[in-house]
């Protein structure tokens, strides 16, 4: 559910073993992790992502 996904993001838990993640590059997964970091001091800004 959307609520479950939101809670997982808040906890910093991302399941990269489920589809479509196994087909996604390690660099892309790293980017997603850094964009979803629950700590705003460590999270990438939109400008940094671009």
Protein backbone atom coordinates (compact mmCIF):
# COMPACT_ATOMS: atom_id res chain seq x y z
CA UNK A 1 0.00 0.00 0.00
CA UNK A 2 1.05 3.62 -0.36
CA UNK A 3 1.07 3.99 3.42
CA UNK A 4 3.36 0.98 3.75
CA UNK A 5 5.77 2.42 1.19
CA UNK A 6 5.77 5.78 2.98
CA UNK A 7 6.50 4.11 6.32
CA UNK A 8 9.34 2.08 4.79
CA UNK A 9 10.87 5.25 3.38
CA UNK A 10 10.60 7.01 6.74
CA UNK A 11 12.33 4.05 8.40
CA UNK A 12 14.96 3.99 5.65
CA UNK A 13 14.01 0.49 4.55
CA UNK A 14 14.03 -0.13 0.80
CA UNK A 15 13.62 -3.68 -0.50
CA UNK A 16 15.89 -3.83 -3.53
CA UNK A 17 15.30 -7.58 -3.90
CA UNK A 18 11.78 -7.17 -5.30
CA UNK A 19 10.98 -6.28 -8.91
CA UNK A 20 11.96 -4.10 -10.63
CA UNK A 21 15.05 -3.46 -8.47
CA UNK A 22 17.16 -6.50 -9.42
CA UNK A 23 17.30 -5.14 -12.99
CA UNK A 24 18.26 -1.62 -11.87
CA UNK A 25 21.93 -0.59 -11.83
CA UNK A 26 23.78 -0.24 -8.55
CA UNK A 27 24.37 3.45 -9.33
CA UNK A 28 20.64 4.06 -9.74
CA UNK A 29 19.88 2.21 -6.48
CA UNK A 30 22.50 4.30 -4.70
CA UNK A 31 20.89 7.48 -6.05
CA UNK A 32 17.46 6.39 -4.82
CA UNK A 33 18.87 5.57 -1.36
CA UNK A 34 20.52 8.98 -1.16
CA UNK A 35 17.36 10.80 -2.33
CA UNK A 36 15.23 8.99 0.26
CA UNK A 37 17.61 9.37 3.21
CA UNK A 38 15.39 10.15 6.23
CA UNK A 39 18.04 12.56 7.57
CA UNK A 40 17.67 15.87 5.71
CA UNK A 41 21.31 16.71 6.47
CA UNK A 42 22.44 13.72 4.40
CA UNK A 43 19.62 13.62 1.83
CA UNK A 44 20.41 14.86 -1.67
CA UNK A 45 18.70 18.06 -2.73
CA UNK A 46 16.88 18.32 -6.06
CA UNK A 47 19.70 20.52 -7.33
CA UNK A 48 22.31 17.91 -6.36
CA UNK A 49 20.36 15.19 -8.15
CA UNK A 50 20.16 17.22 -11.34
